[in-house]
């Protein structure tokens, strides 16, 4: 997609956010948003042919870009993993800015049957963005478990964040700290288990010897 197209999409999104706060994420609201830009009539069909749900996806992509940029500015080598993860989640939440009502409406829109898969995909993408931005290189089952767990943390904290009316979001931040502590405890438990069992024999190998080793022994005796 060209820079001009990206700029046009960003303009429509900026106009759509306050519109969606009042009218929801509807095609009517999208058309009204385009009228508030300098783009020609019908521009929504060119830049967002899939309608409001595509605008929500684009908003999510923009927030992920903000997460990546924010984390890149941190002195990560001097930080603990839990602090880096927390910073990533907070970046995703602060990226909502003054558009909390639009975010609530977006959550409601994505709960409808035609969009049930979009919410989980966006949460997974946000979690993946955070883990990659802090240098996670896992490729085994940890790759999926880390992102699945963090996506759950983001989802639950987002709900508390949007219901916290305090400017400092103290309730939501306390909730996030507790969730991150749970994640880190789980990761520590997994690591401790791997260390304790690192030198233990592989059960599959033992069973294999019992099954096939015995047969070889019997063949030798028969010979």
N, C-alpha and C. Protein backbone atom coordinates (compact mmCIF):
# COMPACT_ATOMS: atom_id res chain seq x y z
N UNK A 1 0.84 -1.19 0.00
CA UNK A 1 0.00 0.00 0.00
C UNK A 1 0.88 1.24 0.00
N UNK A 2 0.53 2.23 -0.82
CA UNK A 2 1.34 3.44 -0.97
C UNK A 2 1.23 4.33 0.26
N UNK A 3 2.18 5.25 0.37
CA UNK A 3 2.16 6.21 1.48
C UNK A 3 0.91 7.07 1.41
N UNK A 4 0.48 7.40 0.20
CA UNK A 4 -0.72 8.23 0.04
C UNK A 4 -1.95 7.49 0.55
N UNK A 5 -2.02 6.20 0.26
CA UNK A 5 -3.15 5.41 0.73
C UNK A 5 -3.14 5.31 2.26
N UNK A 6 -1.95 5.09 2.83
CA UNK A 6 -1.83 5.01 4.28
C UNK A 6 -2.25 6.32 4.93
N UNK A 7 -1.85 7.43 4.31
CA UNK A 7 -2.22 8.74 4.84
C UNK A 7 -3.73 8.94 4.79
N UNK A 8 -4.35 8.53 3.70
CA UNK A 8 -5.80 8.67 3.57
C UNK A 8 -6.52 7.80 4.60
N UNK A 9 -6.03 6.59 4.80
CA UNK A 9 -6.64 5.70 5.79
C UNK A 9 -6.50 6.29 7.19
N UNK A 10 -5.35 6.90 7.47
CA UNK A 10 -5.14 7.52 8.78
C UNK A 10 -6.09 8.70 8.97
N UNK A 11 -6.32 9.46 7.93
CA UNK A 11 -7.25 10.59 8.01
C UNK A 11 -8.67 10.11 8.30
N UNK A 12 -9.06 9.06 7.62
CA UNK A 12 -10.41 8.52 7.84
C UNK A 12 -10.53 7.98 9.26
N UNK A 13 -9.51 7.27 9.74
CA UNK A 13 -9.54 6.75 11.10
C UNK A 13 -9.67 7.89 12.11
N UNK A 14 -8.88 8.95 11.94
CA UNK A 14 -8.93 10.08 12.86
C UNK A 14 -10.32 10.71 12.90
N UNK A 15 -10.99 10.76 11.75
CA UNK A 15 -12.34 11.31 11.70
C UNK A 15 -13.37 10.33 12.22
N UNK A 16 -13.07 9.03 12.09
CA UNK A 16 -14.01 7.99 12.48
C UNK A 16 -14.09 7.82 14.00
N UNK A 17 -12.98 8.00 14.69
CA UNK A 17 -12.95 7.72 16.14
C UNK A 17 -13.98 8.54 16.92
N UNK A 18 -14.03 9.87 16.76
CA UNK A 18 -15.08 10.61 17.48
C UNK A 18 -16.48 10.30 16.96
N UNK A 19 -16.58 9.97 15.68
CA UNK A 19 -17.88 9.63 15.11
C UNK A 19 -18.39 8.31 15.70
N UNK A 20 -17.49 7.33 15.81
CA UNK A 20 -17.87 6.02 16.34
C UNK A 20 -18.27 6.10 17.80
N UNK A 21 -17.71 7.06 18.53
CA UNK A 21 -18.04 7.21 19.95
C UNK A 21 -19.52 7.52 20.14
N UNK A 22 -20.12 8.17 19.15
CA UNK A 22 -21.54 8.54 19.24
C UNK A 22 -22.44 7.60 18.44
N UNK A 23 -22.00 7.20 17.26
CA UNK A 23 -22.86 6.43 16.37
C UNK A 23 -22.48 4.97 16.24
N UNK A 24 -21.37 4.57 16.89
CA UNK A 24 -20.93 3.18 16.77
C UNK A 24 -20.14 2.98 15.48
N UNK A 25 -19.63 1.77 15.33
CA UNK A 25 -18.82 1.45 14.15
C UNK A 25 -19.75 0.93 13.05
N UNK A 26 -20.41 1.86 12.40
CA UNK A 26 -21.38 1.53 11.35
C UNK A 26 -20.94 2.13 10.02
N UNK A 27 -21.55 1.65 8.96
CA UNK A 27 -21.24 2.19 7.63
C UNK A 27 -21.68 3.65 7.54
N UNK A 28 -22.78 3.96 8.19
CA UNK A 28 -23.26 5.34 8.20
C UNK A 28 -22.25 6.26 8.88
N UNK A 29 -21.70 5.80 9.99
CA UNK A 29 -20.70 6.60 10.70
C UNK A 29 -19.43 6.75 9.87
N UNK A 30 -19.09 5.72 9.12
CA UNK A 30 -17.90 5.77 8.27
C UNK A 30 -18.09 6.80 7.15
N UNK A 31 -19.26 6.81 6.55
CA UNK A 31 -19.52 7.80 5.50
C UNK A 31 -19.49 9.21 6.07
N UNK A 32 -20.04 9.38 7.27
CA UNK A 32 -20.03 10.69 7.92
C UNK A 32 -18.60 11.12 8.23
N UNK A 33 -17.77 10.16 8.60
CA UNK A 33 -16.37 10.48 8.91
C UNK A 33 -15.65 10.98 7.68
N UNK A 34 -15.90 10.35 6.54
CA UNK A 34 -15.25 10.76 5.29
C UNK A 34 -15.65 12.19 4.93
N UNK A 35 -16.89 12.57 5.23
CA UNK A 35 -17.35 13.93 4.94
C UNK A 35 -16.56 14.97 5.73
N UNK A 36 -16.00 14.52 6.88
CA UNK A 36 -15.23 15.43 7.72
C UNK A 36 -13.75 15.47 7.34
N UNK A 37 -13.42 14.86 6.22
CA UNK A 37 -12.04 14.92 5.70
C UNK A 37 -12.06 15.68 4.38
N UNK A 38 -10.88 15.85 3.81
CA UNK A 38 -10.78 16.49 2.49
C UNK A 38 -10.82 15.47 1.36
N UNK A 39 -11.13 14.25 1.70
CA UNK A 39 -11.17 13.19 0.70
C UNK A 39 -12.49 13.25 -0.07
N UNK A 40 -12.50 12.74 -1.29
CA UNK A 40 -13.73 12.79 -2.09
C UNK A 40 -14.82 11.87 -1.55
N UNK A 41 -16.03 12.15 -1.93
CA UNK A 41 -17.16 11.32 -1.53
C UNK A 41 -16.95 9.88 -2.02
N UNK A 42 -17.26 8.94 -1.16
CA UNK A 42 -17.08 7.54 -1.51
C UNK A 42 -15.69 7.01 -1.24
N UNK A 43 -14.84 7.81 -0.61
CA UNK A 43 -13.46 7.39 -0.34
C UNK A 43 -13.40 6.18 0.58
N UNK A 44 -14.43 6.02 1.41
CA UNK A 44 -14.44 4.87 2.33
C UNK A 44 -14.44 3.55 1.57
N UNK A 45 -15.09 3.53 0.39
CA UNK A 45 -15.14 2.30 -0.39
C UNK A 45 -13.80 1.97 -1.02
N UNK A 46 -12.99 2.99 -1.26
CA UNK A 46 -11.68 2.78 -1.84
C UNK A 46 -10.66 2.35 -0.78
N UNK A 47 -10.68 3.03 0.36
CA UNK A 47 -9.65 2.80 1.36
C UNK A 47 -10.04 1.78 2.43
N UNK A 48 -11.33 1.59 2.63
CA UNK A 48 -11.80 0.58 3.58
C UNK A 48 -12.97 -0.20 2.96
N UNK A 49 -12.68 -0.99 1.91
CA UNK A 49 -13.75 -1.70 1.22
C UNK A 49 -14.50 -2.70 2.10
N UNK A 50 -13.88 -3.15 3.18
CA UNK A 50 -14.54 -4.08 4.09
C UNK A 50 -15.32 -3.38 5.18
N UNK A 51 -15.38 -2.07 5.14
CA UNK A 51 -16.22 -1.32 6.05
C UNK A 51 -15.60 -1.06 7.42
N UNK A 52 -16.44 -0.76 8.40
CA UNK A 52 -15.99 -0.37 9.74
C UNK A 52 -15.08 -1.39 10.42
N UNK A 53 -15.29 -2.66 10.20
CA UNK A 53 -14.42 -3.66 10.83
C UNK A 53 -12.99 -3.53 10.33
N UNK A 54 -12.83 -3.14 9.08
CA UNK A 54 -11.49 -2.93 8.55
C UNK A 54 -10.85 -1.69 9.18
N UNK A 55 -11.67 -0.69 9.47
CA UNK A 55 -11.16 0.51 10.15
C UNK A 55 -10.68 0.15 11.55
N UNK A 56 -11.41 -0.71 12.24
CA UNK A 56 -11.01 -1.16 13.57
C UNK A 56 -9.69 -1.91 13.49
N UNK A 57 -9.54 -2.77 12.48
CA UNK A 57 -8.28 -3.50 12.31
C UNK A 57 -7.12 -2.53 12.07
N UNK A 58 -7.38 -1.52 11.26
CA UNK A 58 -6.34 -0.53 10.97
C UNK A 58 -5.96 0.22 12.25
N UNK A 59 -6.94 0.55 13.07
CA UNK A 59 -6.68 1.21 14.35
C UNK A 59 -5.79 0.32 15.22
N UNK A 60 -6.09 -0.95 15.24
CA UNK A 60 -5.28 -1.90 16.01
C UNK A 60 -3.85 -1.94 15.49
N UNK A 61 -3.69 -1.92 14.17
CA UNK A 61 -2.36 -1.93 13.57
C UNK A 61 -1.58 -0.67 13.93
N UNK A 62 -2.29 0.46 13.96
CA UNK A 62 -1.64 1.71 14.34
C UNK A 62 -1.17 1.68 15.79
N UNK A 63 -1.98 1.09 16.66
CA UNK A 63 -1.60 0.98 18.06
C UNK A 63 -0.42 0.04 18.24
N UNK A 64 -0.38 -1.03 17.45
CA UNK A 64 0.77 -1.94 17.51
C UNK A 64 2.05 -1.23 17.09
N UNK A 65 1.94 -0.38 16.10
CA UNK A 65 3.11 0.40 15.66
C UNK A 65 3.58 1.33 16.78
N UNK A 66 2.62 1.87 17.53
CA UNK A 66 2.96 2.74 18.66
C UNK A 66 3.66 1.94 19.75
N UNK A 67 3.19 0.73 20.01
CA UNK A 67 3.83 -0.14 21.01
C UNK A 67 5.28 -0.38 20.63
N UNK A 68 5.49 -0.75 19.39
CA UNK A 68 6.84 -1.06 18.90
C UNK A 68 7.76 0.15 19.04
N UNK A 69 7.24 1.33 18.70
CA UNK A 69 8.04 2.55 18.79
C UNK A 69 8.36 2.90 20.24
N UNK A 70 7.36 2.77 21.10
CA UNK A 70 7.57 3.08 22.52
C UNK A 70 8.60 2.16 23.15
N UNK A 71 8.51 0.87 22.87
CA UNK A 71 9.44 -0.09 23.46
C UNK A 71 10.85 0.09 22.91
N UNK A 72 10.97 0.55 21.68
CA UNK A 72 12.28 0.77 21.08
C UNK A 72 13.02 1.91 21.77
N UNK A 73 12.30 2.80 22.41
CA UNK A 73 12.91 3.95 23.08
C UNK A 73 13.41 3.62 24.48
N UNK A 74 13.04 2.45 25.01
CA UNK A 74 13.43 2.08 26.37
C UNK A 74 14.84 1.53 26.42
N UNK A 75 15.45 1.64 27.59
CA UNK A 75 16.76 1.03 27.83
C UNK A 75 16.51 -0.42 28.26
N UNK A 76 16.13 -1.23 27.31
CA UNK A 76 15.69 -2.59 27.62
C UNK A 76 16.74 -3.46 28.30
N UNK A 77 18.02 -3.38 27.93
CA UNK A 77 19.01 -4.23 28.59
C UNK A 77 19.06 -4.07 30.11
N UNK A 78 18.65 -2.91 30.59
CA UNK A 78 18.70 -2.67 32.03
C UNK A 78 17.38 -3.02 32.73
N UNK A 79 16.41 -3.51 31.96
CA UNK A 79 15.08 -3.78 32.52
C UNK A 79 14.82 -5.27 32.68
N UNK A 80 13.98 -5.59 33.67
CA UNK A 80 13.53 -6.96 33.84
C UNK A 80 12.45 -7.26 32.80
N UNK A 81 12.28 -8.53 32.52
CA UNK A 81 11.28 -8.92 31.52
C UNK A 81 9.90 -8.43 31.92
N UNK A 82 9.54 -8.61 33.20
CA UNK A 82 8.20 -8.21 33.63
C UNK A 82 7.97 -6.73 33.41
N UNK A 83 9.02 -5.89 33.60
CA UNK A 83 8.88 -4.45 33.40
C UNK A 83 8.72 -4.12 31.93
N UNK A 84 9.40 -4.86 31.08
CA UNK A 84 9.28 -4.62 29.64
C UNK A 84 7.89 -5.03 29.14
N UNK A 85 7.40 -6.15 29.63
CA UNK A 85 6.06 -6.60 29.25
C UNK A 85 5.02 -5.61 29.73
N UNK A 86 5.17 -5.16 30.98
CA UNK A 86 4.24 -4.18 31.53
C UNK A 86 4.24 -2.90 30.70
N UNK A 87 5.42 -2.45 30.32
CA UNK A 87 5.52 -1.24 29.50
C UNK A 87 4.82 -1.42 28.16
N UNK A 88 4.92 -2.62 27.60
CA UNK A 88 4.26 -2.88 26.33
C UNK A 88 2.75 -2.85 26.44
N UNK A 89 2.23 -3.46 27.50
CA UNK A 89 0.77 -3.46 27.70
C UNK A 89 0.27 -2.04 27.96
N UNK A 90 0.99 -1.30 28.79
CA UNK A 90 0.58 0.08 29.08
C UNK A 90 0.61 0.93 27.81
N UNK A 91 1.59 0.69 26.95
CA UNK A 91 1.65 1.42 25.69
C UNK A 91 0.40 1.17 24.86
N UNK A 92 -0.03 -0.08 24.82
CA UNK A 92 -1.23 -0.42 24.04
C UNK A 92 -2.47 0.26 24.61
N UNK A 93 -2.51 0.41 25.93
CA UNK A 93 -3.67 1.03 26.58
C UNK A 93 -3.65 2.54 26.43
N UNK A 94 -2.49 3.14 26.64
CA UNK A 94 -2.39 4.59 26.50
C UNK A 94 -2.60 5.02 25.05
N UNK A 95 -2.34 4.12 24.11
CA UNK A 95 -2.54 4.44 22.70
C UNK A 95 -4.00 4.72 22.38
N UNK A 96 -4.89 4.24 23.24
CA UNK A 96 -6.32 4.52 23.04
C UNK A 96 -6.60 6.01 23.19
N UNK A 97 -5.82 6.64 24.07
CA UNK A 97 -5.94 8.08 24.27
C UNK A 97 -7.32 8.51 24.71
N UNK A 98 -7.85 9.57 24.10
CA UNK A 98 -9.17 10.09 24.50
C UNK A 98 -10.33 9.35 23.84
N UNK A 99 -10.02 8.26 23.17
CA UNK A 99 -11.07 7.57 22.39
C UNK A 99 -11.58 6.31 23.10
N UNK A 100 -11.75 6.40 24.39
CA UNK A 100 -12.18 5.22 25.15
C UNK A 100 -13.59 4.77 24.77
N UNK A 101 -14.47 5.73 24.50
CA UNK A 101 -15.83 5.35 24.12
C UNK A 101 -15.82 4.64 22.76
N UNK A 102 -14.96 5.09 21.85
CA UNK A 102 -14.82 4.41 20.56
C UNK A 102 -14.30 3.00 20.76
N UNK A 103 -13.40 2.83 21.74
CA UNK A 103 -12.87 1.50 22.03
C UNK A 103 -13.95 0.60 22.60
N UNK A 104 -14.79 1.15 23.47
CA UNK A 104 -15.91 0.36 24.02
C UNK A 104 -16.85 -0.06 22.89
N UNK A 105 -17.14 0.87 22.01
CA UNK A 105 -18.02 0.57 20.88
C UNK A 105 -17.38 -0.47 19.96
N UNK A 106 -16.06 -0.40 19.82
CA UNK A 106 -15.36 -1.37 18.97
C UNK A 106 -15.47 -2.77 19.57
N UNK A 107 -15.33 -2.87 20.89
CA UNK A 107 -15.47 -4.16 21.56
C UNK A 107 -16.87 -4.73 21.35
N UNK A 108 -17.87 -3.86 21.45
CA UNK A 108 -19.25 -4.30 21.23
C UNK A 108 -19.45 -4.75 19.79
N UNK A 109 -18.87 -4.01 18.85
CA UNK A 109 -19.02 -4.37 17.44
C UNK A 109 -18.38 -5.72 17.14
N UNK A 110 -17.24 -5.98 17.75
CA UNK A 110 -16.54 -7.23 17.49
C UNK A 110 -17.16 -8.43 18.21
N UNK A 111 -18.16 -8.17 19.03
CA UNK A 111 -18.87 -9.27 19.69
C UNK A 111 -20.02 -9.81 18.84
N UNK A 112 -20.28 -9.13 17.72
CA UNK A 112 -21.35 -9.57 16.83
C UNK A 112 -20.88 -10.77 15.99
N UNK A 113 -21.81 -11.60 15.54
CA UNK A 113 -21.45 -12.85 14.86
C UNK A 113 -20.49 -12.70 13.68
N UNK A 114 -20.62 -11.62 12.92
CA UNK A 114 -19.77 -11.48 11.73
C UNK A 114 -18.34 -11.03 12.04
N UNK A 115 -18.05 -10.83 13.34
CA UNK A 115 -16.71 -10.34 13.69
C UNK A 115 -16.12 -11.09 14.88
N UNK A 116 -16.65 -12.25 15.20
CA UNK A 116 -16.22 -12.95 16.42
C UNK A 116 -14.75 -13.31 16.42
N UNK A 117 -14.17 -13.55 15.26
CA UNK A 117 -12.75 -13.93 15.22
C UNK A 117 -11.79 -12.75 15.23
N UNK A 118 -12.30 -11.55 14.98
CA UNK A 118 -11.41 -10.40 14.84
C UNK A 118 -10.78 -9.98 16.16
N UNK A 119 -11.57 -9.97 17.24
CA UNK A 119 -11.05 -9.55 18.54
C UNK A 119 -9.86 -10.40 18.99
N UNK A 120 -10.02 -11.73 19.02
CA UNK A 120 -8.88 -12.58 19.41
C UNK A 120 -7.65 -12.39 18.54
N UNK A 121 -7.84 -12.21 17.25
CA UNK A 121 -6.70 -12.00 16.34
C UNK A 121 -5.96 -10.71 16.68
N UNK A 122 -6.71 -9.66 17.00
CA UNK A 122 -6.08 -8.39 17.33
C UNK A 122 -5.34 -8.48 18.66
N UNK A 123 -5.91 -9.19 19.62
CA UNK A 123 -5.24 -9.37 20.91
C UNK A 123 -3.95 -10.17 20.73
N UNK A 124 -4.02 -11.23 19.94
CA UNK A 124 -2.83 -12.04 19.66
C UNK A 124 -1.76 -11.18 18.99
N UNK A 125 -2.17 -10.34 18.04
CA UNK A 125 -1.22 -9.49 17.33
C UNK A 125 -0.55 -8.50 18.28
N UNK A 126 -1.32 -7.94 19.20
CA UNK A 126 -0.75 -7.01 20.18
C UNK A 126 0.26 -7.72 21.07
N UNK A 127 -0.11 -8.93 21.53
CA UNK A 127 0.80 -9.71 22.38
C UNK A 127 2.06 -10.08 21.61
N UNK A 128 1.91 -10.47 20.36
CA UNK A 128 3.06 -10.83 19.53
C UNK A 128 3.96 -9.63 19.32
N UNK A 129 3.36 -8.46 19.11
CA UNK A 129 4.13 -7.22 18.93
C UNK A 129 4.99 -6.95 20.16
N UNK A 130 4.40 -7.11 21.34
CA UNK A 130 5.14 -6.85 22.59
C UNK A 130 6.29 -7.82 22.75
N UNK A 131 6.02 -9.12 22.60
CA UNK A 131 7.08 -10.12 22.79
C UNK A 131 8.22 -9.93 21.79
N UNK A 132 7.88 -9.66 20.54
CA UNK A 132 8.92 -9.45 19.53
C UNK A 132 9.73 -8.19 19.82
N UNK A 133 9.03 -7.13 20.26
CA UNK A 133 9.70 -5.86 20.51
C UNK A 133 10.66 -5.92 21.69
N UNK A 134 10.45 -6.89 22.59
CA UNK A 134 11.37 -7.01 23.73
C UNK A 134 12.38 -8.14 23.52
N UNK A 135 12.42 -8.66 22.29
CA UNK A 135 13.48 -9.59 21.92
C UNK A 135 13.18 -11.06 22.11
N UNK A 136 11.91 -11.42 22.23
CA UNK A 136 11.59 -12.85 22.38
C UNK A 136 11.91 -13.60 21.09
N UNK A 137 12.64 -14.69 21.22
CA UNK A 137 13.04 -15.48 20.05
C UNK A 137 12.56 -16.93 20.14
N UNK A 138 11.61 -17.19 21.03
CA UNK A 138 11.14 -18.57 21.19
C UNK A 138 10.46 -19.06 19.92
N UNK A 139 10.66 -20.34 19.64
CA UNK A 139 10.05 -20.94 18.45
C UNK A 139 9.27 -22.21 18.78
N UNK A 140 9.39 -22.69 20.01
CA UNK A 140 8.71 -23.92 20.39
C UNK A 140 7.33 -23.60 20.95
N UNK A 141 6.84 -24.47 21.81
CA UNK A 141 5.51 -24.26 22.38
C UNK A 141 5.44 -22.99 23.20
N UNK A 142 6.60 -22.52 23.71
CA UNK A 142 6.61 -21.27 24.47
C UNK A 142 6.18 -20.09 23.62
N UNK A 143 6.45 -20.15 22.33
CA UNK A 143 6.05 -19.07 21.43
C UNK A 143 4.54 -18.85 21.53
N UNK A 144 3.79 -19.93 21.51
CA UNK A 144 2.33 -19.83 21.55
C UNK A 144 1.81 -19.56 22.95
N UNK A 145 2.40 -20.21 23.95
CA UNK A 145 1.91 -20.02 25.32
C UNK A 145 2.12 -18.59 25.79
N UNK A 146 3.29 -18.00 25.46
CA UNK A 146 3.56 -16.62 25.87
C UNK A 146 2.55 -15.66 25.28
N UNK A 147 2.25 -15.83 24.02
CA UNK A 147 1.33 -14.91 23.34
C UNK A 147 -0.11 -15.14 23.76
N UNK A 148 -0.49 -16.38 23.97
CA UNK A 148 -1.84 -16.67 24.42
C UNK A 148 -2.10 -16.10 25.79
N UNK A 149 -1.15 -16.30 26.70
CA UNK A 149 -1.31 -15.80 28.06
C UNK A 149 -1.32 -14.28 28.08
N UNK A 150 -0.40 -13.65 27.35
CA UNK A 150 -0.35 -12.19 27.34
C UNK A 150 -1.58 -11.59 26.68
N UNK A 151 -2.11 -12.25 25.66
CA UNK A 151 -3.35 -11.76 25.02
C UNK A 151 -4.48 -11.74 26.04
N UNK A 152 -4.53 -12.75 26.91
CA UNK A 152 -5.53 -12.78 27.97
C UNK A 152 -5.34 -11.65 28.96
N UNK A 153 -4.08 -11.35 29.28
CA UNK A 153 -3.78 -10.25 30.19
C UNK A 153 -4.24 -8.92 29.59
N UNK A 154 -3.94 -8.73 28.31
CA UNK A 154 -4.35 -7.48 27.64
C UNK A 154 -5.86 -7.35 27.62
N UNK A 155 -6.55 -8.44 27.30
CA UNK A 155 -8.02 -8.40 27.21
C UNK A 155 -8.65 -8.05 28.56
N UNK A 156 -8.19 -8.72 29.62
CA UNK A 156 -8.79 -8.47 30.94
C UNK A 156 -8.45 -7.08 31.45
N UNK A 157 -7.21 -6.64 31.20
CA UNK A 157 -6.82 -5.31 31.67
C UNK A 157 -7.53 -4.22 30.88
N UNK A 158 -7.76 -4.46 29.59
CA UNK A 158 -8.48 -3.48 28.77
C UNK A 158 -9.87 -3.21 29.34
N UNK A 159 -10.54 -4.26 29.77
CA UNK A 159 -11.88 -4.10 30.34
C UNK A 159 -11.84 -3.24 31.59
N UNK A 160 -10.86 -3.49 32.46
CA UNK A 160 -10.73 -2.70 33.68
C UNK A 160 -10.32 -1.26 33.34
N UNK A 161 -9.42 -1.11 32.38
CA UNK A 161 -8.94 0.20 31.96
C UNK A 161 -10.09 1.09 31.49
N UNK A 162 -10.97 0.53 30.68
CA UNK A 162 -12.08 1.30 30.12
C UNK A 162 -13.17 1.61 31.15
N UNK A 163 -13.15 0.91 32.28
CA UNK A 163 -14.12 1.17 33.33
C UNK A 163 -13.54 2.01 34.46
N UNK A 164 -12.24 2.30 34.39
CA UNK A 164 -11.56 3.10 35.41
C UNK A 164 -11.64 4.57 35.03
N UNK A 165 -12.40 5.34 35.80
CA UNK A 165 -12.61 6.75 35.47
C UNK A 165 -11.52 7.67 36.00
N UNK A 166 -10.61 7.14 36.80
CA UNK A 166 -9.53 7.97 37.34
C UNK A 166 -8.53 8.33 36.25
N UNK A 167 -8.10 9.57 36.20
CA UNK A 167 -7.13 9.98 35.16
C UNK A 167 -5.84 9.17 35.21
N UNK A 168 -5.39 8.82 36.40
CA UNK A 168 -4.13 8.08 36.54
C UNK A 168 -4.30 6.58 36.33
N UNK A 169 -5.55 6.12 36.23
CA UNK A 169 -5.83 4.71 35.99
C UNK A 169 -5.17 3.81 37.05
N UNK A 170 -5.20 4.23 38.30
CA UNK A 170 -4.52 3.48 39.36
C UNK A 170 -5.11 2.08 39.55
N UNK A 171 -6.41 1.97 39.48
CA UNK A 171 -7.07 0.68 39.63
C UNK A 171 -6.65 -0.27 38.52
N UNK A 172 -6.64 0.23 37.30
CA UNK A 172 -6.28 -0.60 36.15
C UNK A 172 -4.81 -1.00 36.20
N UNK A 173 -3.95 -0.07 36.62
CA UNK A 173 -2.52 -0.37 36.69
C UNK A 173 -2.22 -1.40 37.78
N UNK A 174 -2.94 -1.30 38.89
CA UNK A 174 -2.78 -2.29 39.95
C UNK A 174 -3.24 -3.66 39.47
N UNK A 175 -4.33 -3.68 38.74
CA UNK A 175 -4.84 -4.93 38.17
C UNK A 175 -3.81 -5.53 37.21
N UNK A 176 -3.22 -4.69 36.36
CA UNK A 176 -2.22 -5.16 35.41
C UNK A 176 -1.00 -5.72 36.13
N UNK A 177 -0.55 -5.04 37.16
CA UNK A 177 0.62 -5.52 37.92
C UNK A 177 0.37 -6.92 38.47
N UNK A 178 -0.85 -7.13 38.96
CA UNK A 178 -1.19 -8.45 39.53
C UNK A 178 -1.22 -9.52 38.44
N UNK A 179 -1.74 -9.18 37.28
CA UNK A 179 -1.79 -10.15 36.18
C UNK A 179 -0.39 -10.47 35.67
N UNK A 180 0.45 -9.46 35.55
CA UNK A 180 1.82 -9.70 35.10
C UNK A 180 2.57 -10.55 36.11
N UNK A 181 2.32 -10.33 37.39
CA UNK A 181 2.96 -11.14 38.43
C UNK A 181 2.55 -12.60 38.28
N UNK A 182 1.30 -12.83 37.94
CA UNK A 182 0.83 -14.20 37.72
C UNK A 182 1.55 -14.84 36.54
N UNK A 183 1.71 -14.07 35.47
CA UNK A 183 2.39 -14.58 34.28
C UNK A 183 3.83 -14.93 34.60
N UNK A 184 4.51 -14.04 35.31
CA UNK A 184 5.92 -14.28 35.64
C UNK A 184 6.08 -15.48 36.57
N UNK A 185 5.13 -15.67 37.49
CA UNK A 185 5.17 -16.83 38.38
C UNK A 185 5.02 -18.11 37.58
N UNK A 186 4.15 -18.08 36.59
CA UNK A 186 3.93 -19.24 35.74
C UNK A 186 5.18 -19.54 34.93
N UNK A 187 5.80 -18.49 34.36
CA UNK A 187 7.01 -18.68 33.57
C UNK A 187 8.14 -19.22 34.44
N UNK A 188 8.25 -18.73 35.67
CA UNK A 188 9.29 -19.20 36.58
C UNK A 188 9.08 -20.67 36.92
N UNK A 189 7.80 -21.03 37.15
CA UNK A 189 7.49 -22.42 37.47
C UNK A 189 7.86 -23.34 36.30
N UNK A 190 7.58 -22.89 35.07
CA UNK A 190 7.94 -23.69 33.91
C UNK A 190 9.46 -23.85 33.80
N UNK A 191 10.18 -22.77 34.04
CA UNK A 191 11.63 -22.81 33.95
C UNK A 191 12.23 -23.73 35.01
N UNK A 192 11.70 -23.63 36.23
CA UNK A 192 12.18 -24.49 37.32
C UNK A 192 11.93 -25.95 37.01
N UNK A 193 10.78 -26.23 36.44
CA UNK A 193 10.45 -27.62 36.09
C UNK A 193 11.40 -28.14 35.02
N UNK A 194 11.70 -27.31 34.01
CA UNK A 194 12.61 -27.72 32.95
C UNK A 194 14.01 -28.00 33.50
N UNK A 195 14.45 -27.17 34.47
CA UNK A 195 15.78 -27.37 35.04
C UNK A 195 15.82 -28.66 35.87
N UNK A 196 14.75 -28.89 36.63
CA UNK A 196 14.72 -30.07 37.49
C UNK A 196 14.68 -31.36 36.69
N UNK A 197 14.06 -31.30 35.52
CA UNK A 197 13.87 -32.51 34.72
C UNK A 197 14.84 -32.61 33.56
N UNK A 198 15.80 -31.66 33.46
CA UNK A 198 16.71 -31.64 32.32
C UNK A 198 17.53 -32.91 32.19
N UNK A 199 17.95 -33.49 33.33
CA UNK A 199 18.82 -34.68 33.30
C UNK A 199 18.06 -35.98 33.50
N UNK A 200 16.75 -35.88 33.57
CA UNK A 200 15.96 -37.09 33.73
C UNK A 200 15.84 -37.81 32.39
N UNK A 201 15.80 -39.15 32.40
CA UNK A 201 15.65 -39.89 31.14
C UNK A 201 14.33 -39.59 30.47
N UNK A 202 14.35 -39.64 29.16
CA UNK A 202 13.14 -39.41 28.38
C UNK A 202 12.24 -40.63 28.46
N UNK A 203 10.99 -40.47 28.95
CA UNK A 203 10.08 -41.62 29.06
C UNK A 203 9.87 -42.32 27.74
N UNK A 204 9.85 -41.58 26.64
CA UNK A 204 9.64 -42.20 25.33
C UNK A 204 10.80 -43.11 24.97
N UNK A 205 12.01 -42.68 25.33
CA UNK A 205 13.17 -43.51 25.03
C UNK A 205 13.16 -44.80 25.86
N UNK A 206 12.75 -44.67 27.12
CA UNK A 206 12.68 -45.85 27.99
C UNK A 206 11.68 -46.85 27.43
N UNK A 207 10.51 -46.34 27.04
CA UNK A 207 9.49 -47.23 26.50
C UNK A 207 9.97 -47.87 25.20
N UNK A 208 10.71 -47.07 24.42
CA UNK A 208 11.22 -47.61 23.17
C UNK A 208 12.20 -48.75 23.41
N UNK A 209 13.05 -48.61 24.41
CA UNK A 209 14.01 -49.68 24.71
C UNK A 209 13.29 -50.91 25.21
N UNK A 210 12.28 -50.69 26.07
CA UNK A 210 11.54 -51.84 26.60
C UNK A 210 10.83 -52.60 25.49
N UNK A 211 10.34 -51.84 24.51
CA UNK A 211 9.58 -52.48 23.44
C UNK A 211 10.48 -53.13 22.40
N UNK A 212 11.47 -52.35 21.92
CA UNK A 212 12.28 -52.84 20.81
C UNK A 212 13.58 -53.49 21.27
N UNK A 213 14.13 -53.01 22.39
CA UNK A 213 15.36 -53.59 22.89
C UNK A 213 15.19 -55.05 23.28
N UNK A 214 14.04 -55.36 23.91
CA UNK A 214 13.76 -56.73 24.32
C UNK A 214 13.67 -57.66 23.14
N UNK A 215 13.08 -57.18 22.04
CA UNK A 215 12.93 -58.01 20.86
C UNK A 215 14.29 -58.33 20.26
N UNK A 216 15.17 -57.33 20.24
CA UNK A 216 16.50 -57.57 19.69
C UNK A 216 17.25 -58.61 20.51
N UNK A 217 17.07 -58.49 21.86
CA UNK A 217 17.72 -59.46 22.74
C UNK A 217 17.23 -60.86 22.48
N UNK A 218 15.93 -61.00 22.28
CA UNK A 218 15.37 -62.34 22.05
C UNK A 218 15.86 -62.89 20.73
N UNK A 219 16.02 -62.00 19.71
CA UNK A 219 16.51 -62.46 18.42
C UNK A 219 17.95 -62.97 18.53
N UNK A 220 18.75 -62.29 19.34
CA UNK A 220 20.15 -62.70 19.49
C UNK A 220 20.22 -64.06 20.16
N UNK A 221 19.37 -64.27 21.21
CA UNK A 221 19.41 -65.55 21.93
C UNK A 221 18.98 -66.70 21.01
N UNK A 222 18.00 -66.40 20.13
CA UNK A 222 17.55 -67.45 19.22
C UNK A 222 18.64 -67.81 18.23
N UNK A 223 19.42 -66.83 17.85
CA UNK A 223 20.49 -67.12 16.90
C UNK A 223 21.58 -67.92 17.57
